[in-house]
């Protein structure tokens, strides 16, 4: 019972259903073609028989026409039939019979065997008073005949019968068609086996896809389907593998993100918890403890807000694009920058004179993050320069500082989340999300970030954006925000 159930359930497989429909269509087409061919063959066979019978009857009528204008005797009628029988040139499977006064008279050849099995047929012909043309079909015979009575002065004096025996031709033709049907059935069987094997090979990537999908877990996402060939299923396989790559990358990034977040939050939570625990034993330090706790909470609040911003960068409504004047925007950013730290040597190097389409708030946030980084990595009196320019169909905004610079080994990773550059074994302050926010905002605009830095001489961050940012679909925007590092070829 178990095997019967499995056998019945196998018909739900796509391979079985596909081949079943294919086999049904092939068998139906072959069967209809053979049946139509047989019908056409039989029709043509009987058409030829009818034409031959009509010719024999016409020849009889032409020969008997002079006799119908006289008063012939029985000898005259017999002489007429003798002339017809003697002049008949027998063809294969053709014969003529004659009857006089209700009795059989002569035949062009010996009576066929099948006529002995039809005793009433001779009597019907002998007493026939009107022309008759019929077909006799059976298991072992296929005969057409035409009977023409000889009528003189409204009296039947004799009957002429022409017979076309198509039995052999019919049996040969239908036998050949039957043989074709058997051969076609055998060929269809062979083709079905070939189609079964071929379908199995073609559908193998789909089975592998199903097996791979079942084997993928949160602990193992390395399974991939081997790619062979260049057909449509291979393209689906390649797309499926690409999807798995993206899912694995997203999952790995998510896991790394969760680890980084838990690590970043663990420190302020531990500090707050420790301060609250000792507060009962050191009440005189209450004001100092509250200040410290407030600072840690502010840091946590800033971290959460930055994370929310990065999460929103994956949404299609992250940007509100509007036309802006680049020169006025650059000057406004420069004025804001000067208020960050007055003891820096602030300079406005250039202003691009061209309208641009951007999200003013988001773009300003990205530039201000770069300016704050520049303040953090410079000393009193160091130069921090801001500028903008239009180059072709892109515009550039740069922040240049004459600070400590960034070590080459750090330039490859500072744009990652929760990553801080180091210098002389000292980590710069912050949670390491500022440059991630910059790249996310720029990527949402369809742009990129370039970095040029020399350790001890300063750094230059350049934001390069299109004058008219493309309208990105949600999938493209999501992928862009997760893969911004691949776009920053200048700093890798």
Protein backbone atom coordinates (compact mmCIF):
# COMPACT_ATOMS: atom_id res chain seq x y z
CA UNK A 1 0.00 0.00 0.00
CA UNK A 2 2.90 2.32 0.77
CA UNK A 3 4.49 1.81 -2.65
CA UNK A 4 1.12 2.30 -4.37
CA UNK A 5 0.65 5.59 -2.52
CA UNK A 6 4.15 6.76 -3.50
CA UNK A 7 3.48 5.75 -7.11
CA UNK A 8 0.24 7.74 -7.19
CA UNK A 9 1.90 10.75 -5.55
CA UNK A 10 4.64 10.67 -8.21
CA UNK A 11 2.08 11.84 -10.75
CA UNK A 12 2.11 15.17 -8.99
CA UNK A 13 5.68 15.68 -10.14
CA UNK A 14 6.27 18.29 -12.82
CA UNK A 15 8.38 15.83 -14.81
CA UNK A 16 5.59 13.21 -14.90
CA UNK A 17 2.91 15.74 -15.81
CA UNK A 18 5.06 17.32 -18.51
CA UNK A 19 5.88 13.99 -20.14
CA UNK A 20 2.29 12.74 -19.72
CA UNK A 21 0.98 15.73 -21.63
CA UNK A 22 3.74 15.35 -24.20
CA UNK A 23 2.97 11.65 -24.63
CA UNK A 24 -0.78 12.29 -24.83
CA UNK A 25 -0.24 14.99 -27.44
CA UNK A 26 2.16 12.81 -29.47
CA UNK A 27 -0.14 9.76 -29.34
CA UNK A 28 -3.20 11.84 -30.23
CA UNK A 29 -1.40 13.52 -33.11
CA UNK A 30 -0.07 10.22 -34.45
CA UNK A 31 -3.43 8.47 -34.03
CA UNK A 32 -5.34 11.24 -35.75
CA UNK A 33 -2.79 11.40 -38.56
CA UNK A 34 -2.96 7.61 -39.15
CA UNK A 35 -6.78 7.58 -39.00
CA UNK A 36 -7.04 10.48 -41.45
CA UNK A 37 -4.52 8.80 -43.76
CA UNK A 38 -6.53 5.55 -43.68
CA UNK A 39 -9.75 7.41 -44.44
CA UNK A 40 -8.16 9.26 -47.35
CA UNK A 41 -6.71 6.00 -48.70
CA UNK A 42 -10.06 4.18 -48.48
CA UNK A 43 -11.94 7.09 -50.05
CA UNK A 44 -9.51 7.27 -52.94
CA UNK A 45 -9.71 3.48 -53.35
CA UNK A 46 -13.49 3.59 -53.67
CA UNK A 47 -13.34 6.66 -55.90
CA UNK A 48 -11.15 4.72 -58.31
CA UNK A 49 -13.55 1.76 -58.11
CA UNK A 50 -16.57 3.99 -58.78
CA UNK A 51 -14.82 5.59 -61.75
CA UNK A 52 -13.96 2.16 -63.22
CA UNK A 53 -17.54 0.90 -62.71
CA UNK A 54 -18.98 4.02 -64.31
CA UNK A 55 -16.71 3.46 -67.31
CA UNK A 56 -17.84 -0.19 -67.66
CA UNK A 57 -21.53 0.79 -67.41
CA UNK A 58 -21.06 3.52 -69.99
CA UNK A 59 -19.34 1.07 -72.35
CA UNK A 60 -22.27 -1.38 -71.90
CA UNK A 61 -24.83 1.33 -72.61
CA UNK A 62 -23.04 2.43 -75.76
CA UNK A 63 -22.81 -1.19 -77.01
CA UNK A 64 -26.47 -1.95 -76.19
CA UNK A 65 -27.90 1.27 -77.60
CA UNK A 66 -28.56 -0.04 -81.19
CA UNK A 67 -30.38 -3.04 -79.77
CA UNK A 68 -32.79 -0.94 -77.72
CA UNK A 69 -34.33 0.55 -80.90
CA UNK A 70 -35.28 -2.87 -82.29
CA UNK A 71 -37.34 -5.86 -81.27
CA UNK A 72 -34.48 -8.21 -80.40
CA UNK A 73 -34.90 -11.89 -79.83
CA UNK A 74 -33.34 -13.81 -76.99
CA UNK A 75 -30.53 -14.80 -79.37
CA UNK A 76 -29.88 -11.12 -80.06
CA UNK A 77 -29.63 -10.38 -76.38
CA UNK A 78 -27.31 -13.35 -75.88
CA UNK A 79 -25.18 -12.21 -78.80
CA UNK A 80 -24.96 -8.73 -77.21
CA UNK A 81 -23.77 -10.12 -73.88
CA UNK A 82 -21.36 -12.47 -75.65
CA UNK A 83 -19.86 -9.48 -77.45
CA UNK A 84 -19.55 -7.55 -74.17
CA UNK A 85 -17.95 -10.46 -72.33
CA UNK A 86 -15.61 -11.35 -75.19
CA UNK A 87 -14.51 -7.74 -75.71
CA UNK A 88 -13.96 -7.10 -71.99
CA UNK A 89 -10.31 -6.72 -71.20
CA UNK A 90 -10.09 -8.01 -67.65
CA UNK A 91 -8.05 -5.90 -65.28
CA UNK A 92 -6.82 -7.04 -61.92
CA UNK A 93 -9.71 -7.64 -59.53
CA UNK A 94 -12.30 -6.64 -62.17
CA UNK A 95 -15.02 -8.83 -63.67
CA UNK A 96 -18.41 -8.56 -65.43
CA UNK A 97 -21.47 -10.82 -65.11
CA UNK A 98 -24.52 -11.05 -67.35
CA UNK A 99 -28.05 -12.33 -66.72
CA UNK A 100 -30.79 -13.11 -69.30
CA UNK A 101 -34.45 -13.49 -68.39
CA UNK A 102 -33.68 -13.89 -64.69
CA UNK A 103 -30.94 -16.49 -65.15
CA UNK A 104 -27.16 -16.26 -64.96
CA UNK A 105 -25.68 -16.29 -68.48
CA UNK A 106 -21.94 -15.58 -68.67
CA UNK A 107 -19.06 -14.02 -66.77
CA UNK A 108 -15.75 -12.63 -67.95
CA UNK A 109 -13.98 -15.07 -65.65
CA UNK A 110 -14.85 -17.73 -63.14
CA UNK A 111 -17.18 -16.60 -60.41
CA UNK A 112 -15.36 -15.29 -57.34
CA UNK A 113 -15.43 -17.35 -54.17
CA UNK A 114 -17.09 -14.65 -52.13
CA UNK A 115 -20.13 -14.74 -54.45
CA UNK A 116 -20.83 -18.29 -53.35
CA UNK A 117 -21.28 -16.95 -49.84
CA UNK A 118 -23.94 -14.52 -51.12
CA UNK A 119 -26.62 -16.77 -52.67
CA UNK A 120 -29.28 -14.08 -52.59
CA UNK A 121 -27.09 -11.54 -54.36
CA UNK A 122 -27.17 -13.39 -57.71
CA UNK A 123 -30.93 -13.66 -57.47
CA UNK A 124 -31.15 -9.95 -56.70
CA UNK A 125 -29.06 -9.10 -59.72
CA UNK A 126 -31.05 -11.47 -62.00
CA UNK A 127 -34.35 -9.83 -61.07
CA UNK A 128 -33.07 -6.27 -61.00
CA UNK A 129 -35.37 -3.75 -62.70
CA UNK A 130 -33.45 -0.52 -61.97
CA UNK A 131 -29.78 0.47 -61.97
CA UNK A 132 -27.99 -0.24 -58.71
CA UNK A 133 -24.51 0.63 -57.35
CA UNK A 134 -23.38 -0.45 -53.89
CA UNK A 135 -20.41 -1.49 -51.80
CA UNK A 136 -20.02 -4.72 -49.89
CA UNK A 137 -17.71 -4.34 -46.92
CA UNK A 138 -16.78 -6.99 -44.40
CA UNK A 139 -13.88 -8.49 -42.49
CA UNK A 140 -12.43 -10.25 -45.53
CA UNK A 141 -13.98 -8.42 -48.44
CA UNK A 142 -14.26 -4.95 -49.83
CA UNK A 143 -16.21 -4.94 -53.09
CA UNK A 144 -18.00 -2.37 -55.22
CA UNK A 145 -20.42 -3.27 -58.01
CA UNK A 146 -22.69 -1.54 -60.50
CA UNK A 147 -25.71 -3.38 -62.01
CA UNK A 148 -27.38 -2.02 -65.16
CA UNK A 149 -30.59 -3.71 -66.53
CA UNK A 150 -31.15 -3.95 -70.29
CA UNK A 151 -34.64 -2.47 -70.78
CA UNK A 152 -36.35 -2.74 -74.16
CA UNK A 153 -39.97 -1.55 -74.53
CA UNK A 154 -40.30 -1.30 -70.77
CA UNK A 155 -39.26 -4.92 -70.41
CA UNK A 156 -36.10 -6.10 -68.68
CA UNK A 157 -34.39 -8.49 -71.08
CA UNK A 158 -31.12 -8.90 -69.17
CA UNK A 159 -28.79 -7.42 -66.54
CA UNK A 160 -25.17 -6.34 -66.83
CA UNK A 161 -23.08 -6.34 -63.61
CA UNK A 162 -19.57 -4.84 -63.31
CA UNK A 163 -17.58 -5.80 -60.17
CA UNK A 164 -14.50 -4.13 -58.62
CA UNK A 165 -12.91 -6.34 -55.98
CA UNK A 166 -10.79 -4.00 -53.81
CA UNK A 167 -10.26 -6.53 -51.03
CA UNK A 168 -6.56 -7.13 -51.67
CA UNK A 169 -5.77 -3.44 -52.22
CA UNK A 170 -7.78 -2.50 -49.14
CA UNK A 171 -6.13 -5.13 -46.98
CA UNK A 172 -2.66 -4.20 -48.28
CA UNK A 173 -3.22 -0.49 -47.67
CA UNK A 174 -4.76 -0.86 -44.25
CA UNK A 175 -2.11 -3.42 -43.34
CA UNK A 176 0.61 -0.96 -44.31
CA UNK A 177 -1.11 1.77 -42.29
CA UNK A 178 -1.39 -0.61 -39.34
CA UNK A 179 2.31 -1.36 -39.65
CA UNK A 180 3.00 2.38 -39.69
CA UNK A 181 0.91 2.71 -36.54
CA UNK A 182 2.87 -0.04 -34.80
CA UNK A 183 6.20 1.45 -35.85
CA UNK A 184 5.01 4.88 -34.74
CA UNK A 185 4.00 3.46 -31.37
CA UNK A 186 7.43 1.87 -30.96
CA UNK A 187 9.16 5.08 -32.01
CA UNK A 188 7.00 7.08 -29.62
CA UNK A 189 7.97 4.69 -26.86
CA UNK A 190 11.66 5.19 -27.63
CA UNK A 191 11.16 8.95 -27.85
CA UNK A 192 9.29 8.87 -24.53
CA UNK A 193 12.24 7.14 -22.85
CA UNK A 194 14.64 9.66 -24.40
CA UNK A 195 12.34 12.50 -23.32
CA UNK A 196 12.20 11.02 -19.81
CA UNK A 197 15.98 10.99 -19.53
CA UNK A 198 16.33 14.42 -21.17
CA UNK A 199 13.65 15.96 -18.96
CA UNK A 200 15.42 14.52 -15.94
CA UNK A 201 18.67 16.17 -16.98
CA UNK A 202 16.95 19.46 -17.81
CA UNK A 203 15.04 19.50 -14.53
CA UNK A 204 18.06 18.43 -12.48
CA UNK A 205 18.93 22.07 -11.60
CA UNK A 206 15.40 22.49 -10.24
CA UNK A 207 15.79 19.39 -8.06
CA UNK A 208 19.17 20.65 -6.93
CA UNK A 209 17.59 24.02 -6.23
CA UNK A 210 14.97 22.34 -4.06
CA UNK A 211 17.59 20.25 -2.23
CA UNK A 212 19.82 23.27 -1.75
CA UNK A 213 16.95 25.35 -0.38
CA UNK A 214 16.17 22.57 2.11
CA UNK A 215 19.80 22.33 3.22
CA UNK A 216 20.23 26.05 3.83
CA UNK A 217 19.95 27.02 7.47
CA UNK A 218 20.93 30.00 9.55
CA UNK A 219 24.15 28.16 10.39
CA UNK A 220 25.07 27.09 6.86
CA UNK A 221 24.30 29.26 3.84
CA UNK A 222 27.25 28.14 1.72
CA UNK A 223 25.36 25.63 -0.42
CA UNK A 224 25.28 26.48 -4.15
CA UNK A 225 23.99 24.76 -7.30
CA UNK A 226 26.61 23.79 -9.91
CA UNK A 227 26.06 25.64 -13.18
CA UNK A 228 26.27 23.72 -16.45
CA UNK A 229 25.13 24.82 -19.91
CA UNK A 230 23.67 28.10 -21.11
CA UNK A 231 19.90 27.56 -21.39
CA UNK A 232 17.01 29.20 -19.56
CA UNK A 233 17.13 26.79 -16.59
CA UNK A 234 20.85 27.50 -16.27
CA UNK A 235 20.01 31.20 -16.15
CA UNK A 236 17.48 30.49 -13.38
CA UNK A 237 20.17 28.50 -11.54
CA UNK A 238 22.65 31.36 -11.83
CA UNK A 239 20.01 33.82 -10.61
CA UNK A 240 19.21 31.52 -7.68
CA UNK A 241 22.90 31.31 -6.76
CA UNK A 242 23.19 35.09 -6.99
CA UNK A 243 20.17 35.40 -4.72
CA UNK A 244 21.82 33.04 -2.23
CA UNK A 245 24.99 35.15 -2.39
CA UNK A 246 22.99 38.27 -1.62
CA UNK A 247 21.10 36.56 1.18
CA UNK A 248 24.32 35.22 2.66
CA UNK A 249 25.95 38.65 2.47
CA UNK A 250 22.90 40.27 4.04
CA UNK A 251 22.75 37.61 6.73
CA UNK A 252 26.47 37.93 7.47
CA UNK A 253 26.16 41.70 7.62
CA UNK A 254 23.16 41.38 9.90
CA UNK A 255 25.04 39.04 12.22
CA UNK A 256 28.06 41.32 12.23
CA UNK A 257 25.80 44.31 12.78
CA UNK A 258 24.14 42.66 15.77
CA UNK A 259 27.52 41.77 17.23
CA UNK A 260 28.76 45.33 16.79
CA UNK A 261 25.58 46.84 18.26
CA UNK A 262 25.68 44.52 21.26
CA UNK A 263 29.35 45.35 21.75
CA UNK A 264 28.76 49.10 21.49
CA UNK A 265 25.79 49.05 23.84
CA UNK A 266 27.41 46.77 26.37
CA UNK A 267 29.91 49.41 27.51
CA UNK A 268 27.46 52.26 28.34
CA UNK A 269 25.01 49.83 29.91
CA UNK A 270 27.77 48.38 32.08
CA UNK A 271 28.88 51.88 33.08
CA UNK A 272 25.34 52.96 33.96
CA UNK A 273 24.68 49.77 35.89
CA UNK A 274 27.95 50.10 37.83
CA UNK A 275 27.32 53.74 38.67
CA UNK A 276 23.80 52.99 39.90
CA UNK A 277 25.04 50.12 42.06
CA UNK A 278 27.64 52.25 43.87
CA UNK A 279 25.39 55.30 44.14
CA UNK A 280 23.85 53.94 47.36
CA UNK A 281 27.29 53.72 48.96
CA UNK A 282 28.53 57.10 47.71
CA UNK A 283 25.62 59.55 48.00
CA UNK A 284 28.01 62.49 47.97
CA UNK A 285 28.84 61.58 44.33
CA UNK A 286 25.20 61.79 43.21
CA UNK A 287 25.59 64.87 41.01
CA UNK A 288 28.74 63.49 39.37
CA UNK A 289 27.07 60.10 38.84
CA UNK A 290 23.97 61.64 37.28
CA UNK A 291 26.15 63.67 34.91
CA UNK A 292 28.06 60.55 33.87
CA UNK A 293 24.88 58.52 33.41
CA UNK A 294 23.29 61.33 31.40
CA UNK A 295 26.34 61.44 29.13
CA UNK A 296 26.21 57.68 28.56
CA UNK A 297 22.47 57.85 27.81
CA UNK A 298 23.11 60.63 25.32
CA UNK A 299 25.72 58.48 23.64
CA UNK A 300 23.26 55.57 23.49
CA UNK A 301 20.56 57.88 22.12
CA UNK A 302 22.95 59.12 19.45
CA UNK A 303 23.86 55.53 18.56
CA UNK A 304 20.19 54.54 18.23
CA UNK A 305 19.42 57.60 16.10
CA UNK A 306 22.35 56.82 13.79
CA UNK A 307 21.22 53.22 13.44
CA UNK A 308 17.68 54.38 12.63
CA UNK A 309 19.09 56.69 9.97
CA UNK A 310 21.05 53.84 8.38
CA UNK A 311 17.93 51.65 8.45
CA UNK A 312 15.86 54.39 6.79
CA UNK A 313 18.49 54.70 4.05
CA UNK A 314 17.18 51.38 2.67
CA UNK A 315 13.69 52.77 2.17
CA UNK A 316 12.57 54.29 -1.15
CA UNK A 317 11.18 57.38 0.63
CA UNK A 318 14.47 58.13 2.37
CA UNK A 319 15.16 61.15 0.15
CA UNK A 320 12.99 64.17 -0.62
CA UNK A 321 14.63 65.54 -3.76
CA UNK A 322 14.34 69.21 -4.65
CA UNK A 323 16.31 71.62 -6.87
CA UNK A 324 18.96 73.56 -4.95
CA UNK A 325 21.56 76.21 -5.86
CA UNK A 326 24.97 74.64 -5.29
CA UNK A 327 26.73 77.94 -4.58
CA UNK A 328 24.24 79.02 -1.87
CA UNK A 329 24.29 75.55 -0.35
CA UNK A 330 28.09 75.50 -0.23
CA UNK A 331 28.21 78.88 1.44
CA UNK A 332 25.58 77.86 3.99
CA UNK A 333 27.56 74.71 4.87
CA UNK A 334 30.71 76.82 5.23
CA UNK A 335 28.99 79.17 7.69
CA UNK A 336 27.74 76.19 9.73
CA UNK A 337 31.23 74.66 9.69
CA UNK A 338 32.84 77.78 11.17
CA UNK A 339 30.58 77.48 14.21
CA UNK A 340 31.86 73.97 14.98
CA UNK A 341 35.25 75.15 16.25
CA UNK A 342 36.46 78.73 15.80
CA UNK A 343 40.13 77.91 16.40
CA UNK A 344 40.48 76.02 13.08
CA UNK A 345 41.65 77.76 9.91
CA UNK A 346 38.39 77.53 7.94
CA UNK A 347 38.58 78.15 4.20
CA UNK A 348 36.03 78.22 1.38
CA UNK A 349 37.96 77.07 -1.69
CA UNK A 350 35.32 77.08 -4.46
CA UNK A 351 31.59 77.28 -5.15
CA UNK A 352 29.94 75.47 -8.01
CA UNK A 353 27.53 77.68 -9.95
CA UNK A 354 24.91 75.22 -11.10
CA UNK A 355 21.48 73.99 -9.91
CA UNK A 356 21.47 70.47 -8.46
CA UNK A 357 18.70 68.08 -7.37
CA UNK A 358 19.28 66.69 -3.88
CA UNK A 359 17.72 66.13 -0.48
CA UNK A 360 19.05 69.27 1.19
CA UNK A 361 18.71 67.99 4.77
CA UNK A 362 20.30 64.59 4.14
CA UNK A 363 23.11 65.99 2.00
CA UNK A 364 23.88 68.69 4.58
CA UNK A 365 24.02 65.98 7.25
CA UNK A 366 26.58 64.02 5.23
CA UNK A 367 28.81 67.08 4.70
CA UNK A 368 28.53 68.11 8.35
CA UNK A 369 29.61 64.61 9.41
CA UNK A 370 32.75 65.02 7.30
CA UNK A 371 33.38 68.47 8.78
CA UNK A 372 32.98 67.15 12.32
CA UNK A 373 35.43 64.35 11.52
CA UNK A 374 37.84 66.95 10.20
CA UNK A 375 37.56 68.93 13.45
CA UNK A 376 38.07 65.74 15.46
CA UNK A 377 41.26 64.81 13.59
CA UNK A 378 42.89 68.26 13.48
CA UNK A 379 44.47 70.57 16.01
CA UNK A 380 44.14 74.25 16.72
CA UNK A 381 45.18 76.33 13.70
CA UNK A 382 44.98 73.44 11.21
CA UNK A 383 43.38 74.15 7.86
CA UNK A 384 39.92 72.74 7.09
CA UNK A 385 38.70 73.59 3.60
CA UNK A 386 35.31 73.20 1.98
CA UNK A 387 34.55 73.52 -1.72
CA UNK A 388 32.25 72.49 -4.55
CA UNK A 389 32.45 72.29 -8.34
CA UNK A 390 30.57 70.93 -11.34
CA UNK A 391 32.37 68.49 -13.65
CA UNK A 392 30.37 67.24 -16.63
CA UNK A 393 27.04 65.82 -15.47
CA UNK A 394 28.28 65.46 -11.88
CA UNK A 395 28.99 67.86 -9.04
CA UNK A 396 31.60 67.47 -6.32
CA UNK A 397 31.74 68.66 -2.74
CA UNK A 398 34.97 68.10 -0.83
CA UNK A 399 36.22 68.52 2.71
CA UNK A 400 39.99 68.84 3.04
CA UNK A 401 41.93 68.97 6.28
CA UNK A 402 45.59 69.25 7.21
CA UNK A 403 45.27 66.95 10.19
CA UNK A 404 46.71 63.59 11.13
CA UNK A 405 45.64 61.73 8.02
CA UNK A 406 44.55 58.12 7.82
CA UNK A 407 46.86 55.12 7.74
CA UNK A 408 46.67 53.04 4.51
CA UNK A 409 45.52 49.94 6.41
CA UNK A 410 42.61 51.95 7.89
CA UNK A 411 41.50 53.45 4.57
CA UNK A 412 40.14 50.06 3.51
CA UNK A 413 37.74 49.77 6.42
CA UNK A 414 36.81 53.16 7.88
CA UNK A 415 33.57 53.23 5.88
CA UNK A 416 32.36 50.09 7.62
CA UNK A 417 29.91 50.40 10.49
CA UNK A 418 31.37 50.64 13.99
CA UNK A 419 34.88 51.01 12.60
CA UNK A 420 37.22 53.70 13.90
CA UNK A 421 40.56 54.70 12.52
CA UNK A 422 43.52 54.43 14.86
CA UNK A 423 46.71 56.41 15.18
CA UNK A 424 49.61 55.71 17.54
CA UNK A 425 47.55 53.05 19.33
CA UNK A 426 44.87 55.66 20.11
CA UNK A 427 41.29 55.28 18.93
CA UNK A 428 39.42 58.35 17.92
CA UNK A 429 36.22 59.03 19.82
CA UNK A 430 32.82 58.17 18.43
CA UNK A 431 30.91 54.98 17.68
CA UNK A 432 32.12 54.57 14.11
CA UNK A 433 28.89 55.30 12.24
CA UNK A 434 29.60 58.76 10.81
CA UNK A 435 31.23 57.66 7.54
CA UNK A 436 28.69 54.85 7.15
CA UNK A 437 25.95 57.49 7.27
CA UNK A 438 27.82 59.60 4.71
CA UNK A 439 28.17 56.72 2.25
CA UNK A 440 24.53 55.68 2.74
CA UNK A 441 23.25 59.20 1.98
CA UNK A 442 25.52 59.61 -1.04
CA UNK A 443 24.65 56.15 -2.36
CA UNK A 444 20.94 56.96 -2.03
CA UNK A 445 21.59 59.94 -4.34
CA UNK A 446 23.29 57.63 -6.84
CA UNK A 447 26.75 58.96 -6.03
CA UNK A 448 30.00 57.78 -4.49
CA UNK A 449 32.69 58.88 -2.04
CA UNK A 450 36.39 59.22 -2.82
CA UNK A 451 39.14 59.42 -0.22
CA UNK A 452 42.66 60.73 -0.61
CA UNK A 453 44.79 60.71 2.52
CA UNK A 454 48.43 60.71 3.58
CA UNK A 455 49.36 59.89 7.13
CA UNK A 456 50.60 63.04 8.89
CA UNK A 457 49.52 65.38 6.05
CA UNK A 458 45.74 65.28 6.13
CA UNK A 459 42.81 63.85 4.21
CA UNK A 460 40.39 64.88 1.50
CA UNK A 461 36.89 63.39 1.30
CA UNK A 462 35.07 64.10 -1.98
CA UNK A 463 31.36 63.50 -2.49
CA UNK A 464 30.58 62.91 -6.18
CA UNK A 465 26.91 63.00 -7.13
CA UNK A 466 24.95 63.27 -10.40
CA UNK A 467 23.28 66.59 -11.13
CA UNK A 468 20.02 64.68 -11.63
CA UNK A 469 19.99 61.53 -9.43
CA UNK A 470 18.37 58.50 -11.05
CA UNK A 471 15.05 57.22 -9.78
CA UNK A 472 16.16 53.98 -8.14
CA UNK A 473 13.73 51.10 -7.45
CA UNK A 474 13.49 49.83 -3.91
CA UNK A 475 15.56 46.67 -4.61
CA UNK A 476 18.33 48.69 -6.20
CA UNK A 477 18.39 51.16 -3.35
CA UNK A 478 18.49 48.41 -0.76
CA UNK A 479 21.32 46.65 -2.53
CA UNK A 480 23.18 49.93 -2.92
CA UNK A 481 23.01 50.75 0.74
CA UNK A 482 24.35 47.34 1.69
CA UNK A 483 27.14 47.34 -0.86
CA UNK A 484 28.43 50.89 -0.78
CA UNK A 485 31.98 49.75 -0.20
CA UNK A 486 32.17 48.27 -3.69
CA UNK A 487 31.58 51.70 -5.22
CA UNK A 488 34.41 53.49 -3.50
CA UNK A 489 37.24 52.40 -5.70
CA UNK A 490 39.36 55.41 -4.75
CA UNK A 491 39.77 54.37 -1.14
CA UNK A 492 38.58 50.74 -1.41
